[in-house]
Amino acid sequence: MATAKKAAATKAPAAKKAAPAKRTPNAAFLKPLTPSPALAAVIGDKPLPRTEVTKKVWEYIKKHNLQDAANKRNINADDKLKPIFKKPQVTMFELTKLISEQLS
């Protein structure tokens, strides 16, 4: 009896999931924004979309080895990042909020 139930359960066709529709990016993320002078010292002064600004800041952080060795979620501020962060260390979760304040 147990084998009959098991066989019936394995014969049932697996439900196929439809492929998710390709999402279009939000236009707000693609709009070029001008960085503040403090942020321009890190990423340059050209207007860039918010996503590119975040990528460039992360490139700078990794290039200058600014992630905390003990806790990689923390980012240590150097002389260029202190005016943006307004404190010596921030978490990666605070980063986008602090960057957004520097864009117009």
Protein backbone atom coordinates (compact mmCIF):
# COMPACT_ATOMS: atom_id res chain seq x y z
CA MET A 1 0.00 0.00 0.00
CA ALA A 2 2.77 2.43 0.90
CA THR A 3 4.49 1.76 -2.40
CA ALA A 4 1.28 2.51 -4.32
CA LYS A 5 0.98 5.91 -2.62
CA LYS A 6 4.65 6.64 -3.25
CA ALA A 7 4.34 5.65 -6.91
CA ALA A 8 1.25 7.83 -7.32
CA ALA A 9 3.03 10.76 -5.74
CA THR A 10 6.04 10.44 -8.02
CA LYS A 11 3.92 10.14 -11.18
CA ALA A 12 2.22 13.49 -10.64
CA PRO A 13 3.68 16.03 -13.07
CA ALA A 14 5.71 18.79 -11.48
CA ALA A 15 4.08 22.17 -11.73
CA LYS A 16 6.04 24.29 -14.16
CA LYS A 17 6.60 27.89 -13.23
CA ALA A 18 6.27 30.43 -15.96
CA ALA A 19 9.41 32.41 -16.65
CA PRO A 20 9.21 35.77 -14.89
CA ALA A 21 8.57 38.69 -17.17
CA LYS A 22 11.63 40.83 -17.76
CA ARG A 23 11.43 43.86 -15.51
CA THR A 24 12.06 47.28 -16.89
CA PRO A 25 14.30 49.45 -14.70
CA ASN A 26 12.73 52.33 -12.84
CA ALA A 27 13.37 55.60 -14.70
CA ALA A 28 14.25 57.34 -11.42
CA PHE A 29 17.36 55.15 -11.10
CA LEU A 30 18.51 55.99 -14.62
CA LYS A 31 18.18 59.77 -14.35
CA PRO A 32 21.63 61.40 -14.27
CA LEU A 33 22.20 63.32 -11.04
CA THR A 34 24.91 65.84 -10.24
CA PRO A 35 27.17 64.94 -7.30
CA SER A 36 28.05 67.43 -4.57
CA PRO A 37 31.65 68.74 -4.47
CA ALA A 38 32.49 66.28 -1.66
CA LEU A 39 31.15 63.32 -3.64
CA ALA A 40 32.71 64.62 -6.87
CA ALA A 41 36.14 64.28 -5.20
CA VAL A 42 35.50 60.53 -5.02
CA ILE A 43 33.62 59.71 -8.24
CA GLY A 44 34.19 62.68 -10.55
CA ASP A 45 31.95 65.62 -11.37
CA LYS A 46 29.96 64.20 -14.32
CA PRO A 47 26.22 63.64 -13.80
CA LEU A 48 25.62 59.91 -13.33
CA PRO A 49 22.62 57.67 -12.58
CA ARG A 50 22.19 56.71 -8.94
CA THR A 51 23.19 53.10 -9.67
CA GLU A 52 26.48 54.14 -11.28
CA VAL A 53 27.29 56.48 -8.39
CA THR A 54 26.90 53.61 -5.92
CA LYS A 55 29.09 51.34 -8.08
CA LYS A 56 31.83 53.98 -8.28
CA VAL A 57 31.78 54.57 -4.52
CA TRP A 58 32.13 50.81 -3.94
CA GLU A 59 35.03 50.69 -6.43
CA TYR A 60 36.71 53.47 -4.44
CA ILE A 61 36.09 51.67 -1.13
CA LYS A 62 37.57 48.41 -2.42
CA LYS A 63 40.49 50.09 -4.21
CA HIS A 64 41.53 51.90 -1.02
CA ASN A 65 40.78 48.90 1.25
CA LEU A 66 38.31 50.83 3.43
CA GLN A 67 36.15 47.90 4.56
CA ASP A 68 36.72 47.07 8.21
CA ALA A 69 38.84 43.92 8.53
CA ALA A 70 36.89 42.55 11.51
CA ASN A 71 33.40 43.36 10.20
CA LYS A 72 33.14 43.70 6.41
CA ARG A 73 29.75 45.42 6.74
CA ASN A 74 31.47 48.50 8.15
CA ILE A 75 33.23 51.05 5.98
CA ASN A 76 35.99 53.22 7.41
CA ALA A 77 36.06 56.79 6.15
CA ASP A 78 39.25 58.26 4.72
CA ASP A 79 39.85 61.99 4.17
CA LYS A 80 37.67 62.08 1.02
CA LEU A 81 34.77 60.12 2.53
CA LYS A 82 34.57 61.89 5.92
CA PRO A 83 32.64 64.91 4.50
CA ILE A 84 30.12 62.48 2.97
CA PHE A 85 29.78 60.11 5.94
CA LYS A 86 30.02 62.80 8.67
CA LYS A 87 31.50 60.16 11.02
CA PRO A 88 34.55 57.87 11.00
CA GLN A 89 32.69 54.63 10.22
CA VAL A 90 29.35 53.68 8.64
CA THR A 91 27.61 50.42 7.77
CA MET A 92 27.02 49.41 4.17
CA PHE A 93 23.28 49.80 4.82
CA GLU A 94 23.72 53.50 5.58
CA LEU A 95 25.82 54.06 2.47
CA THR A 96 23.05 54.58 -0.10
CA LYS A 97 21.20 57.01 2.17
CA LEU A 98 24.35 59.07 2.71
CA ILE A 99 25.14 59.05 -1.02
CA SER A 100 21.59 60.12 -1.89
CA GLU A 101 21.97 63.19 0.29
CA GLN A 102 24.97 64.19 -1.84
CA LEU A 103 23.09 64.02 -5.19
CA SER A 104 20.91 66.67 -6.79
